[in-house]
PDB file of all heavy atoms in Angstrom:
ATOM      1  N   GLY A   1    -143.289  21.370  84.870  1.00  0.00           N
ATOM      2  CA  GLY A   1    -143.170  22.266  86.020  1.00  0.00           C
ATOM      3  C   GLY A   1    -141.732  22.432  86.473  1.00  0.00           C
ATOM      4  O   GLY A   1    -141.302  23.532  86.832  1.00  0.00           O
ATOM      5  N   LEU A   2    -140.965  21.355  86.449  1.00  0.00           N
ATOM      6  CA  LEU A   2    -139.556  21.428  86.840  1.00  0.00           C
ATOM      7  C   LEU A   2    -138.751  22.277  85.854  1.00  0.00           C
ATOM      8  O   LEU A   2    -137.914  23.087  86.253  1.00  0.00           O
ATOM      9  CB  LEU A   2    -138.963  20.025  86.943  1.00  0.00           C
ATOM     10  CG  LEU A   2    -137.527  19.940  87.444  1.00  0.00           C
ATOM     11  CD1 LEU A   2    -137.413  20.464  88.871  1.00  0.00           C
ATOM     12  CD2 LEU A   2    -137.018  18.519  87.367  1.00  0.00           C
ATOM     13  N   VAL A   3    -139.028  22.120  84.562  1.00  0.00           N
ATOM     14  CA  VAL A   3    -138.346  22.940  83.548  1.00  0.00           C
ATOM     15  C   VAL A   3    -138.696  24.412  83.747  1.00  0.00           C
ATOM     16  O   VAL A   3    -137.829  25.282  83.684  1.00  0.00           O
ATOM     17  CB  VAL A   3    -138.695  22.465  82.116  1.00  0.00           C
ATOM     18  CG1 VAL A   3    -138.245  23.460  81.082  1.00  0.00           C
ATOM     19  CG2 VAL A   3    -138.074  21.108  81.851  1.00  0.00           C
ATOM     20  N   TYR A   4    -139.973  24.688  84.003  1.00  0.00           N
ATOM     21  CA  TYR A   4    -140.366  26.081  84.243  1.00  0.00           C
ATOM     22  C   TYR A   4    -139.685  26.640  85.491  1.00  0.00           C
ATOM     23  O   TYR A   4    -139.168  27.761  85.470  1.00  0.00           O
ATOM     24  CB  TYR A   4    -141.885  26.208  84.388  1.00  0.00           C
ATOM     25  CG  TYR A   4    -142.308  27.598  84.772  1.00  0.00           C
ATOM     26  CD1 TYR A   4    -142.315  28.625  83.844  1.00  0.00           C
ATOM     27  CD2 TYR A   4    -142.653  27.905  86.088  1.00  0.00           C
ATOM     28  CE1 TYR A   4    -142.670  29.917  84.203  1.00  0.00           C
ATOM     29  CE2 TYR A   4    -143.008  29.190  86.455  1.00  0.00           C
ATOM     30  CZ  TYR A   4    -143.021  30.192  85.508  1.00  0.00           C
ATOM     31  OH  TYR A   4    -143.357  31.470  85.870  1.00  0.00           O
ATOM     32  N   ALA A   5    -139.677  25.854  86.576  1.00  0.00           N
ATOM     33  CA  ALA A   5    -139.109  26.333  87.837  1.00  0.00           C
ATOM     34  C   ALA A   5    -137.608  26.573  87.744  1.00  0.00           C
ATOM     35  O   ALA A   5    -137.086  27.492  88.381  1.00  0.00           O
ATOM     36  CB  ALA A   5    -139.412  25.344  88.960  1.00  0.00           C
ATOM     37  N   THR A   6    -136.895  25.765  86.959  1.00  0.00           N
ATOM     38  CA  THR A   6    -135.441  25.892  86.912  1.00  0.00           C
ATOM     39  C   THR A   6    -134.930  26.769  85.777  1.00  0.00           C
ATOM     40  O   THR A   6    -133.931  27.456  85.939  1.00  0.00           O
ATOM     41  CB  THR A   6    -134.780  24.506  86.784  1.00  0.00           C
ATOM     42  OG1 THR A   6    -135.292  23.850  85.626  1.00  0.00           O
ATOM     43  CG2 THR A   6    -135.049  23.663  88.010  1.00  0.00           C
ATOM     44  N   ILE A   7    -135.622  26.764  84.648  1.00  0.00           N
ATOM     45  CA  ILE A   7    -135.137  27.517  83.489  1.00  0.00           C
ATOM     46  C   ILE A   7    -136.114  28.625  83.088  1.00  0.00           C
ATOM     47  O   ILE A   7    -135.741  29.784  82.961  1.00  0.00           O
ATOM     48  CB  ILE A   7    -134.889  26.578  82.285  1.00  0.00           C
ATOM     49  CG1 ILE A   7    -133.819  25.554  82.638  1.00  0.00           C
ATOM     50  CG2 ILE A   7    -134.478  27.380  81.052  1.00  0.00           C
ATOM     51  CD1 ILE A   7    -133.644  24.458  81.616  1.00  0.00           C
ATOM     52  N   GLY A   8    -137.375  28.235  82.888  1.00  0.00           N
ATOM     53  CA  GLY A   8    -138.366  29.170  82.368  1.00  0.00           C
ATOM     54  C   GLY A   8    -138.588  30.383  83.248  1.00  0.00           C
ATOM     55  O   GLY A   8    -138.639  31.517  82.750  1.00  0.00           O
ATOM     56  N   HIS A   9    -138.706  30.169  84.545  1.00  0.00           N
ATOM     57  CA  HIS A   9    -138.951  31.286  85.459  1.00  0.00           C
ATOM     58  C   HIS A   9    -137.788  32.275  85.431  1.00  0.00           C
ATOM     59  O   HIS A   9    -137.992  33.486  85.368  1.00  0.00           O
ATOM     60  CB  HIS A   9    -139.196  30.774  86.876  1.00  0.00           C
ATOM     61  CG  HIS A   9    -139.567  31.860  87.830  1.00  0.00           C
ATOM     62  ND1 HIS A   9    -138.643  32.469  88.637  1.00  0.00           N
ATOM     63  CD2 HIS A   9    -140.755  32.458  88.079  1.00  0.00           C
ATOM     64  CE1 HIS A   9    -139.246  33.395  89.356  1.00  0.00           C
ATOM     65  NE2 HIS A   9    -140.531  33.395  89.039  1.00  0.00           N
ATOM     66  N   ASN A  10    -136.573  31.760  85.463  1.00  0.00           N
ATOM     67  CA  ASN A  10    -135.395  32.651  85.433  1.00  0.00           C
ATOM     68  C   ASN A  10    -135.319  33.409  84.114  1.00  0.00           C
ATOM     69  O   ASN A  10    -135.011  34.612  84.089  1.00  0.00           O
ATOM     70  CB  ASN A  10    -134.118  31.857  85.652  1.00  0.00           C
ATOM     71  CG  ASN A  10    -134.038  31.280  87.038  1.00  0.00           C
ATOM     72  OD1 ASN A  10    -134.583  31.831  87.985  1.00  0.00           O
ATOM     73  ND2 ASN A  10    -133.373  30.153  87.162  1.00  0.00           N
ATOM     74  N   LEU A  11    -135.589  32.735  83.013  1.00  0.00           N
ATOM     75  CA  LEU A  11    -135.552  33.377  81.700  1.00  0.00           C
ATOM     76  C   LEU A  11    -136.636  34.449  81.593  1.00  0.00           C
ATOM     77  O   LEU A  11    -136.380  35.566  81.122  1.00  0.00           O
ATOM     78  CB  LEU A  11    -135.709  32.333  80.600  1.00  0.00           C
ATOM     79  CG  LEU A  11    -135.667  32.836  79.164  1.00  0.00           C
ATOM     80  CD1 LEU A  11    -134.307  33.445  78.851  1.00  0.00           C
ATOM     81  CD2 LEU A  11    -135.973  31.705  78.206  1.00  0.00           C
ATOM     82  N   LEU A  12    -137.841  34.123  82.034  1.00  0.00           N
ATOM     83  CA  LEU A  12    -138.927  35.104  81.972  1.00  0.00           C
ATOM     84  C   LEU A  12    -138.697  36.276  82.924  1.00  0.00           C
ATOM     85  O   LEU A  12    -139.067  37.414  82.607  1.00  0.00           O
ATOM     86  CB  LEU A  12    -140.260  34.424  82.280  1.00  0.00           C
ATOM     87  CG  LEU A  12    -140.769  33.472  81.193  1.00  0.00           C
ATOM     88  CD1 LEU A  12    -142.017  32.755  81.664  1.00  0.00           C
ATOM     89  CD2 LEU A  12    -141.034  34.205  79.895  1.00  0.00           C
ATOM     90  N   THR A  13    -138.083  36.024  84.072  1.00  0.00           N
ATOM     91  CA  THR A  13    -137.753  37.120  84.989  1.00  0.00           C
ATOM     92  C   THR A  13    -136.739  38.058  84.347  1.00  0.00           C
ATOM     93  O   THR A  13    -136.864  39.288  84.427  1.00  0.00           O
ATOM     94  CB  THR A  13    -137.202  36.560  86.312  1.00  0.00           C
ATOM     95  OG1 THR A  13    -138.190  35.723  86.900  1.00  0.00           O
ATOM     96  CG2 THR A  13    -136.829  37.668  87.275  1.00  0.00           C
ATOM     97  N   TRP A  14    -135.742  37.488  83.697  1.00  0.00           N
ATOM     98  CA  TRP A  14    -134.738  38.293  83.001  1.00  0.00           C
ATOM     99  C   TRP A  14    -135.381  39.125  81.897  1.00  0.00           C
ATOM    100  O   TRP A  14    -135.121  40.331  81.778  1.00  0.00           O
ATOM    101  CB  TRP A  14    -133.660  37.360  82.443  1.00  0.00           C
ATOM    102  CG  TRP A  14    -132.614  38.032  81.628  1.00  0.00           C
ATOM    103  CD1 TRP A  14    -131.683  38.932  82.044  1.00  0.00           C
ATOM    104  CD2 TRP A  14    -132.406  37.858  80.229  1.00  0.00           C
ATOM    105  NE1 TRP A  14    -130.898  39.320  80.995  1.00  0.00           N
ATOM    106  CE2 TRP A  14    -131.320  38.670  79.853  1.00  0.00           C
ATOM    107  CE3 TRP A  14    -133.013  37.084  79.253  1.00  0.00           C
ATOM    108  CZ2 TRP A  14    -130.855  38.743  78.556  1.00  0.00           C
ATOM    109  CZ3 TRP A  14    -132.539  37.154  77.956  1.00  0.00           C
ATOM    110  CH2 TRP A  14    -131.473  37.976  77.622  1.00  0.00           C
ATOM    111  N   LEU A  15    -136.245  38.485  81.088  1.00  0.00           N
ATOM    112  CA  LEU A  15    -136.917  39.218  80.013  1.00  0.00           C
ATOM    113  C   LEU A  15    -137.861  40.284  80.552  1.00  0.00           C
ATOM    114  O   LEU A  15    -137.998  41.361  79.952  1.00  0.00           O
ATOM    115  CB  LEU A  15    -137.685  38.243  79.110  1.00  0.00           C
ATOM    116  CG  LEU A  15    -136.828  37.347  78.220  1.00  0.00           C
ATOM    117  CD1 LEU A  15    -137.698  36.321  77.507  1.00  0.00           C
ATOM    118  CD2 LEU A  15    -136.036  38.177  77.223  1.00  0.00           C
ATOM    119  N   SER A  16    -138.500  40.008  81.688  1.00  0.00           N
ATOM    120  CA  SER A  16    -139.426  40.993  82.247  1.00  0.00           C
ATOM    121  C   SER A  16    -138.702  42.246  82.728  1.00  0.00           C
ATOM    122  O   SER A  16    -139.258  43.347  82.675  1.00  0.00           O
ATOM    123  CB  SER A  16    -140.245  40.380  83.383  1.00  0.00           C
ATOM    124  OG  SER A  16    -139.442  40.141  84.513  1.00  0.00           O
ATOM    125  N   THR A  17    -137.453  42.097  83.176  1.00  0.00           N
ATOM    126  CA  THR A  17    -136.699  43.282  83.588  1.00  0.00           C
ATOM    127  C   THR A  17    -136.234  44.085  82.377  1.00  0.00           C
ATOM    128  O   THR A  17    -136.165  45.305  82.431  1.00  0.00           O
ATOM    129  CB  THR A  17    -135.487  42.906  84.457  1.00  0.00           C
ATOM    130  OG1 THR A  17    -134.650  42.016  83.742  1.00  0.00           O
ATOM    131  CG2 THR A  17    -135.918  42.278  85.756  1.00  0.00           C
ATOM    132  N   ILE A  18    -135.942  43.404  81.281  1.00  0.00           N
ATOM    133  CA  ILE A  18    -135.502  44.104  80.067  1.00  0.00           C
ATOM    134  C   ILE A  18    -136.665  44.860  79.422  1.00  0.00           C
ATOM    135  O   ILE A  18    -136.543  46.027  79.050  1.00  0.00           O
ATOM    136  CB  ILE A  18    -134.880  43.107  79.065  1.00  0.00           C
ATOM    137  CG1 ILE A  18    -133.566  42.564  79.619  1.00  0.00           C
ATOM    138  CG2 ILE A  18    -134.661  43.765  77.706  1.00  0.00           C
ATOM    139  CD1 ILE A  18    -132.951  41.458  78.789  1.00  0.00           C
ATOM    140  N   TYR A  19    -137.803  44.175  79.293  1.00  0.00           N
ATOM    141  CA  TYR A  19    -138.946  44.754  78.573  1.00  0.00           C
ATOM    142  C   TYR A  19    -139.986  45.391  79.493  1.00  0.00           C
ATOM    143  O   TYR A  19    -141.056  45.776  79.043  1.00  0.00           O
ATOM    144  CB  TYR A  19    -139.602  43.684  77.702  1.00  0.00           C
ATOM    145  CG  TYR A  19    -138.702  43.221  76.584  1.00  0.00           C
ATOM    146  CD1 TYR A  19    -138.110  41.965  76.623  1.00  0.00           C
ATOM    147  CD2 TYR A  19    -138.424  44.040  75.501  1.00  0.00           C
ATOM    148  CE1 TYR A  19    -137.277  41.535  75.609  1.00  0.00           C
ATOM    149  CE2 TYR A  19    -137.592  43.631  74.483  1.00  0.00           C
ATOM    150  CZ  TYR A  19    -137.018  42.367  74.539  1.00  0.00           C
ATOM    151  OH  TYR A  19    -136.188  41.956  73.536  1.00  0.00           O
ATOM    152  N   LEU A  20    -139.673  45.493  80.783  1.00  0.00           N
ATOM    153  CA  LEU A  20    -140.541  46.120  81.767  1.00  0.00           C
ATOM    154  C   LEU A  20    -141.924  45.459  81.833  1.00  0.00           C
ATOM    155  O   LEU A  20    -142.949  46.118  81.943  1.00  0.00           O
ATOM    156  CB  LEU A  20    -140.674  47.626  81.489  1.00  0.00           C
ATOM    157  CG  LEU A  20    -139.360  48.412  81.475  1.00  0.00           C
ATOM    158  CD1 LEU A  20    -139.608  49.851  81.094  1.00  0.00           C
ATOM    159  CD2 LEU A  20    -138.665  48.310  82.816  1.00  0.00           C
ATOM    160  N   TRP A  21    -141.941  44.150  81.766  1.00  0.00           N
ATOM    161  CA  TRP A  21    -143.166  43.375  81.947  1.00  0.00           C
ATOM    162  C   TRP A  21    -143.361  43.107  83.425  1.00  0.00           C
ATOM    163  O   TRP A  21    -142.456  43.263  84.238  1.00  0.00           O
ATOM    164  CB  TRP A  21    -143.089  42.024  81.245  1.00  0.00           C
ATOM    165  CG  TRP A  21    -142.909  42.070  79.760  1.00  0.00           C
ATOM    166  CD1 TRP A  21    -143.253  43.084  78.910  1.00  0.00           C
ATOM    167  CD2 TRP A  21    -142.333  41.047  78.949  1.00  0.00           C
ATOM    168  NE1 TRP A  21    -142.932  42.738  77.617  1.00  0.00           N
ATOM    169  CE2 TRP A  21    -142.369  41.504  77.609  1.00  0.00           C
ATOM    170  CE3 TRP A  21    -141.804  39.796  79.209  1.00  0.00           C
ATOM    171  CZ2 TRP A  21    -141.901  40.742  76.555  1.00  0.00           C
ATOM    172  CZ3 TRP A  21    -141.330  39.044  78.150  1.00  0.00           C
ATOM    173  CH2 TRP A  21    -141.381  39.507  76.834  1.00  0.00           C
ATOM    174  N   ALA A  22    -144.541  42.641  83.746  1.00  0.00           N
ATOM    175  CA  ALA A  22    -144.781  42.173  85.117  1.00  0.00           C
ATOM    176  C   ALA A  22    -143.982  40.880  85.321  1.00  0.00           C
ATOM    177  O   ALA A  22    -143.880  40.061  84.402  1.00  0.00           O
ATOM    178  CB  ALA A  22    -146.262  41.912  85.334  1.00  0.00           C
ATOM    179  N   PRO A  23    -143.398  40.707  86.489  1.00  0.00           N
ATOM    180  CA  PRO A  23    -142.617  39.479  86.711  1.00  0.00           C
ATOM    181  C   PRO A  23    -143.509  38.240  86.682  1.00  0.00           C
ATOM    182  O   PRO A  23    -144.667  38.296  87.090  1.00  0.00           O
ATOM    183  CB  PRO A  23    -141.993  39.677  88.084  1.00  0.00           C
ATOM    184  CG  PRO A  23    -142.805  40.734  88.728  1.00  0.00           C
ATOM    185  CD  PRO A  23    -143.399  41.576  87.650  1.00  0.00           C
ATOM    186  N   PRO A  24    -142.969  37.130  86.210  1.00  0.00           N
ATOM    187  CA  PRO A  24    -143.769  35.903  86.130  1.00  0.00           C
ATOM    188  C   PRO A  24    -144.005  35.305  87.517  1.00  0.00           C
ATOM    189  O   PRO A  24    -143.216  35.522  88.438  1.00  0.00           O
ATOM    190  CB  PRO A  24    -142.903  34.967  85.286  1.00  0.00           C
ATOM    191  CG  PRO A  24    -141.512  35.424  85.565  1.00  0.00           C
ATOM    192  CD  PRO A  24    -141.606  36.915  85.734  1.00  0.00           C
ATOM    193  N   PRO A  25    -145.079  34.544  87.655  1.00  0.00           N
ATOM    194  CA  PRO A  25    -145.339  33.930  88.965  1.00  0.00           C
ATOM    195  C   PRO A  25    -144.389  32.769  89.233  1.00  0.00           C
ATOM    196  O   PRO A  25    -143.994  32.049  88.319  1.00  0.00           O
ATOM    197  CB  PRO A  25    -146.778  33.428  88.829  1.00  0.00           C
ATOM    198  CG  PRO A  25    -146.961  33.199  87.369  1.00  0.00           C
ATOM    199  CD  PRO A  25    -146.118  34.246  86.685  1.00  0.00           C
ATOM    200  N   ALA A  26    -144.032  32.628  90.476  1.00  0.00           N
ATOM    201  CA  ALA A  26    -143.227  31.470  90.888  1.00  0.00           C
ATOM    202  C   ALA A  26    -144.183  30.336  91.245  1.00  0.00           C
ATOM    203  O   ALA A  26    -145.342  30.570  91.565  1.00  0.00           O
ATOM    204  CB  ALA A  26    -142.357  31.837  92.084  1.00  0.00           C
ATOM    205  N   ILE A  27    -143.694  29.113  91.176  1.00  0.00           N
ATOM    206  CA  ILE A  27    -144.524  27.974  91.546  1.00  0.00           C
ATOM    207  C   ILE A  27    -143.985  27.340  92.821  1.00  0.00           C
ATOM    208  O   ILE A  27    -142.823  27.542  93.198  1.00  0.00           O
ATOM    209  CB  ILE A  27    -144.604  26.930  90.410  1.00  0.00           C
ATOM    210  CG1 ILE A  27    -143.225  26.390  90.057  1.00  0.00           C
ATOM    211  CG2 ILE A  27    -145.274  27.513  89.200  1.00  0.00           C
ATOM    212  CD1 ILE A  27    -143.266  25.240  89.074  1.00  0.00           C
ATOM    213  N   ASP A  28    -144.821  26.562  93.471  1.00  0.00           N
ATOM    214  CA  ASP A  28    -144.452  25.881  94.711  1.00  0.00           C
ATOM    215  C   ASP A  28    -143.590  24.663  94.358  1.00  0.00           C
ATOM    216  O   ASP A  28    -144.109  23.607  94.021  1.00  0.00           O
ATOM    217  CB  ASP A  28    -145.709  25.464  95.465  1.00  0.00           C
ATOM    218  CG  ASP A  28    -145.397  24.749  96.762  1.00  0.00           C
ATOM    219  OD1 ASP A  28    -144.236  24.814  97.221  1.00  0.00           O
ATOM    220  OD2 ASP A  28    -146.306  24.121  97.311  1.00  0.00           O
ATOM    221  N   THR A  29    -142.294  24.803  94.416  1.00  0.00           N
ATOM    222  CA  THR A  29    -141.410  23.705  94.028  1.00  0.00           C
ATOM    223  C   THR A  29    -141.355  22.598  95.071  1.00  0.00           C
ATOM    224  O   THR A  29    -140.979  21.476  94.745  1.00  0.00           O
ATOM    225  CB  THR A  29    -139.984  24.221  93.748  1.00  0.00           C
ATOM    226  OG1 THR A  29    -139.506  24.927  94.885  1.00  0.00           O
ATOM    227  CG2 THR A  29    -139.959  25.117  92.529  1.00  0.00           C
ATOM    228  N   ASP A  30    -141.738  22.889  96.310  1.00  0.00           N
ATOM    229  CA  ASP A  30    -141.746  21.834  97.330  1.00  0.00           C
ATOM    230  C   ASP A  30    -142.716  20.720  96.946  1.00  0.00           C
ATOM    231  O   ASP A  30    -142.363  19.540  96.956  1.00  0.00           O
ATOM    232  CB  ASP A  30    -142.121  22.401  98.696  1.00  0.00           C
ATOM    233  CG  ASP A  30    -141.057  23.322  99.267  1.00  0.00           C
ATOM    234  OD1 ASP A  30    -139.890  23.213  98.830  1.00  0.00           O
ATOM    235  OD2 ASP A  30    -141.399  24.140 100.137  1.00  0.00           O
ATOM    236  N   THR A  31    -143.933  21.108  96.588  1.00  0.00           N
ATOM    237  CA  THR A  31    -144.931  20.120  96.183  1.00  0.00           C
ATOM    238  C   THR A  31    -144.513  19.443  94.883  1.00  0.00           C
ATOM    239  O   THR A  31    -144.640  18.221  94.741  1.00  0.00           O
ATOM    240  CB  THR A  31    -146.302  20.798  96.011  1.00  0.00           C
ATOM    241  OG1 THR A  31    -146.648  21.447  97.224  1.00  0.00           O
ATOM    242  CG2 THR A  31    -147.370  19.797  95.627  1.00  0.00           C
ATOM    243  N   LEU A  32    -144.018  20.222  93.947  1.00  0.00           N
ATOM    244  CA  LEU A  32    -143.589  19.680  92.658  1.00  0.00           C
ATOM    245  C   LEU A  32    -142.499  18.625  92.836  1.00  0.00           C
ATOM    246  O   LEU A  32    -142.593  17.530  92.280  1.00  0.00           O
ATOM    247  CB  LEU A  32    -143.069  20.817  91.769  1.00  0.00           C
ATOM    248  CG  LEU A  32    -142.411  20.406  90.463  1.00  0.00           C
ATOM    249  CD1 LEU A  32    -143.443  19.834  89.511  1.00  0.00           C
ATOM    250  CD2 LEU A  32    -141.718  21.590  89.840  1.00  0.00           C
ATOM    251  N   LEU A  33    -141.487  18.928  93.610  1.00  0.00           N
ATOM    252  CA  LEU A  33    -140.384  17.983  93.807  1.00  0.00           C
ATOM    253  C   LEU A  33    -140.817  16.765  94.605  1.00  0.00           C
ATOM    254  O   LEU A  33    -140.304  15.667  94.384  1.00  0.00           O
ATOM    255  CB  LEU A  33    -139.199  18.681  94.467  1.00  0.00           C
ATOM    256  CG  LEU A  33    -138.513  19.723  93.587  1.00  0.00           C
ATOM    257  CD1 LEU A  33    -137.422  20.441  94.368  1.00  0.00           C
ATOM    258  CD2 LEU A  33    -137.945  19.100  92.333  1.00  0.00           C
ATOM    259  N   TYR A  34    -141.764  16.940  95.504  1.00  0.00           N
ATOM    260  CA  TYR A  34    -142.296  15.810  96.261  1.00  0.00           C
ATOM    261  C   TYR A  34    -142.982  14.812  95.324  1.00  0.00           C
ATOM    262  O   TYR A  34    -142.713  13.615  95.364  1.00  0.00           O
ATOM    263  CB  TYR A  34    -143.268  16.312  97.329  1.00  0.00           C
ATOM    264  CG  TYR A  34    -143.892  15.220  98.152  1.00  0.00           C
ATOM    265  CD1 TYR A  34    -143.169  14.595  99.154  1.00  0.00           C
ATOM    266  CD2 TYR A  34    -145.196  14.806  97.920  1.00  0.00           C
ATOM    267  CE1 TYR A  34    -143.728  13.585  99.919  1.00  0.00           C
ATOM    268  CE2 TYR A  34    -145.767  13.805  98.671  1.00  0.00           C
ATOM    269  CZ  TYR A  34    -145.021  13.192  99.672  1.00  0.00           C
ATOM    270  OH  TYR A  34    -145.582  12.198 100.405  1.00  0.00           O
ATOM    271  N   VAL A  35    -143.849  15.321  94.443  1.00  0.00           N
ATOM    272  CA  VAL A  35    -144.562  14.449  93.497  1.00  0.00           C
ATOM    273  C   VAL A  35    -143.595  13.835  92.495  1.00  0.00           C
ATOM    274  O   VAL A  35    -143.633  12.628  92.225  1.00  0.00           O
ATOM    275  CB  VAL A  35    -145.669  15.242  92.768  1.00  0.00           C
ATOM    276  CG1 VAL A  35    -146.279  14.433  91.642  1.00  0.00           C
ATOM    277  CG2 VAL A  35    -146.739  15.678  93.752  1.00  0.00           C
ATOM    278  N   LEU A  36    -142.706  14.639  91.946  1.00  0.00           N
ATOM    279  CA  LEU A  36    -141.746  14.135  90.961  1.00  0.00           C
ATOM    280  C   LEU A  36    -140.805  13.106  91.582  1.00  0.00           C
ATOM    281  O   LEU A  36    -140.527  12.066  90.983  1.00  0.00           O
ATOM    282  CB  LEU A  36    -140.953  15.293  90.358  1.00  0.00           C
ATOM    283  CG  LEU A  36    -140.030  14.972  89.200  1.00  0.00           C
ATOM    284  CD1 LEU A  36    -140.814  14.364  88.042  1.00  0.00           C
ATOM    285  CD2 LEU A  36    -139.292  16.213  88.749  1.00  0.00           C
ATOM    286  N   GLY A  37    -140.334  13.375  92.784  1.00  0.00           N
ATOM    287  CA  GLY A  37    -139.456  12.418  93.463  1.00  0.00           C
ATOM    288  C   GLY A  37    -140.147  11.105  93.749  1.00  0.00           C
ATOM    289  O   GLY A  37    -139.556  10.027  93.604  1.00  0.00           O
ATOM    290  N   ALA A  38    -141.408  11.175  94.139  1.00  0.00           N
ATOM    291  CA  ALA A  38    -142.165   9.949  94.387  1.00  0.00           C
ATOM    292  C   ALA A  38    -142.326   9.146  93.099  1.00  0.00           C
ATOM    293  O   ALA A  38    -142.155   7.925  93.086  1.00  0.00           O
ATOM    294  CB  ALA A  38    -143.525  10.280  94.982  1.00  0.00           C
ATOM    295  N   MET A  39    -142.629   9.832  92.013  1.00  0.00           N
ATOM    296  CA  MET A  39    -142.798   9.118  90.738  1.00  0.00           C
ATOM    297  C   MET A  39    -141.480   8.513  90.257  1.00  0.00           C
ATOM    298  O   MET A  39    -141.442   7.393  89.772  1.00  0.00           O
ATOM    299  CB  MET A  39    -143.367  10.047  89.678  1.00  0.00           C
ATOM    300  CG  MET A  39    -144.805  10.389  89.920  1.00  0.00           C
ATOM    301  SD  MET A  39    -145.547  11.155  88.493  1.00  0.00           S
ATOM    302  CE  MET A  39    -145.613   9.777  87.374  1.00  0.00           C
ATOM    303  N   LEU A  40    -140.411   9.259  90.382  1.00  0.00           N
ATOM    304  CA  LEU A  40    -139.110   8.734  89.951  1.00  0.00           C
ATOM    305  C   LEU A  40    -138.662   7.595  90.848  1.00  0.00           C
ATOM    306  O   LEU A  40    -138.040   6.642  90.384  1.00  0.00           O
ATOM    307  CB  LEU A  40    -138.070   9.851  89.931  1.00  0.00           C
ATOM    308  CG  LEU A  40    -138.274  10.907  88.847  1.00  0.00           C
ATOM    309  CD1 LEU A  40    -137.261  12.029  89.023  1.00  0.00           C
ATOM    310  CD2 LEU A  40    -138.196  10.310  87.462  1.00  0.00           C
ATOM    311  N   GLY A  41    -138.966   7.670  92.121  1.00  0.00           N
ATOM    312  CA  GLY A  41    -138.628   6.582  93.032  1.00  0.00           C
ATOM    313  C   GLY A  41    -139.360   5.311  92.685  1.00  0.00           C
ATOM    314  O   GLY A  41    -138.791   4.221  92.675  1.00  0.00           O
TER     315      GLY A  41
END
């Protein structure tokens, strides 16, 4: 999820503007970072 939120989403948004696709959905990074931070802690 973190890779998608930081790299994948931006890459897919860029590709969607080039190829006129529907923009990709964004994810709730607040919840993601909360869970990931707790696990890393």
